[in-house]
Amino acid sequence: MFHPLSDNPSDLTITQVEDKIAELSRKYFMTQNPQAQDQIATFIEIYKQELHMKMAQERLRQQENDDNDLDNLINVS
């Protein structure tokens, strides 16, 4: 999901996405305006989805590296 008024979250690192979620969460609880809270909640959801996707990609990448490391340990001659 991508919102036309937000930056492209796929360009951010996992840490940057987590920081953005924390920042938006603070702003969500600071405001008393329900319309603003709805908009902020939309952005929080966008960044949470991006975070889940990036973490899944990272786990997959680590799993592939672990599989390759085990292949290098087994020497069949």
Protein backbone atom coordinates (compact mmCIF):
# COMPACT_ATOMS: atom_id res chain seq x y z
CA MET A 1 0.00 0.00 0.00
CA PHE A 2 1.34 3.43 -0.89
CA HIS A 3 -0.08 6.83 -0.03
CA PRO A 4 0.51 9.61 -2.59
CA LEU A 5 1.50 12.11 0.11
CA SER A 6 4.10 9.93 1.79
CA ASP A 7 7.66 9.16 0.86
CA ASN A 8 8.34 5.78 -0.68
CA PRO A 9 8.90 3.54 2.37
CA SER A 10 10.72 0.90 0.33
CA ASP A 11 13.72 3.26 0.16
CA LEU A 12 14.11 3.16 3.95
CA THR A 13 16.07 0.69 6.08
CA ILE A 14 14.41 -1.41 8.77
CA THR A 15 15.70 0.93 11.47
CA GLN A 16 14.41 3.99 9.65
CA VAL A 17 10.98 2.40 9.24
CA GLU A 18 10.89 1.53 12.95
CA ASP A 19 11.86 5.11 13.81
CA LYS A 20 9.12 6.45 11.53
CA ILE A 21 6.52 4.22 13.21
CA ALA A 22 7.65 5.40 16.66
CA GLU A 23 7.53 9.06 15.55
CA LEU A 24 4.06 8.71 14.05
CA SER A 25 2.79 6.85 17.12
CA ARG A 26 3.92 9.73 19.34
CA LYS A 27 2.17 12.21 17.08
CA TYR A 28 -0.97 10.06 17.04
CA PHE A 29 -1.28 10.22 20.82
CA MET A 30 -0.34 13.90 20.99
CA THR A 31 -3.23 15.07 18.84
CA GLN A 32 -6.84 15.14 19.92
CA ASN A 33 -8.16 15.65 16.38
CA PRO A 34 -9.90 12.45 15.21
CA GLN A 35 -9.38 13.24 11.52
CA ALA A 36 -5.66 13.77 12.06
CA GLN A 37 -5.50 10.53 14.06
CA ASP A 38 -7.14 8.68 11.17
CA GLN A 39 -4.57 10.03 8.72
CA ILE A 40 -1.68 9.21 11.05
CA ALA A 41 -3.08 5.71 11.61
CA THR A 42 -3.10 5.21 7.83
CA PHE A 43 0.59 6.12 7.63
CA ILE A 44 1.42 3.91 10.61
CA GLU A 45 -0.25 0.98 8.84
CA ILE A 46 1.70 1.68 5.65
CA TYR A 47 5.00 1.67 7.53
CA LYS A 48 4.06 -1.44 9.54
CA GLN A 49 3.33 -3.34 6.34
CA GLU A 50 6.64 -2.20 4.89
CA LEU A 51 8.43 -3.27 8.08
CA HIS A 52 6.88 -6.75 7.96
CA MET A 53 7.88 -7.11 4.32
CA LYS A 54 11.46 -5.98 4.95
CA MET A 55 11.82 -8.28 7.95
CA ALA A 56 10.50 -11.25 5.95
CA GLN A 57 12.98 -10.49 3.16
CA GLU A 58 15.79 -10.25 5.71
CA ARG A 59 14.83 -13.61 7.28
CA LEU A 60 14.73 -15.20 3.83
CA ARG A 61 18.12 -13.74 2.96
CA GLN A 62 19.61 -15.02 6.25
CA GLN A 63 18.06 -18.44 5.73
CA GLU A 64 19.58 -18.66 2.25
CA ASN A 65 22.97 -17.66 3.66
CA ASP A 66 22.67 -20.27 6.41
CA ASP A 67 21.81 -22.94 3.83
CA ASN A 68 24.84 -21.98 1.76
CA ASP A 69 27.08 -22.08 4.83
CA LEU A 70 25.99 -25.64 5.60
CA ASP A 71 26.61 -26.68 2.00
CA ASN A 72 30.19 -25.46 2.30
CA LEU A 73 30.71 -27.52 5.47
CA ILE A 74 29.73 -30.80 3.85
CA ASN A 75 32.57 -32.14 1.75
CA VAL A 76 31.59 -35.18 -0.25
CA SER A 77 34.57 -36.65 -2.08
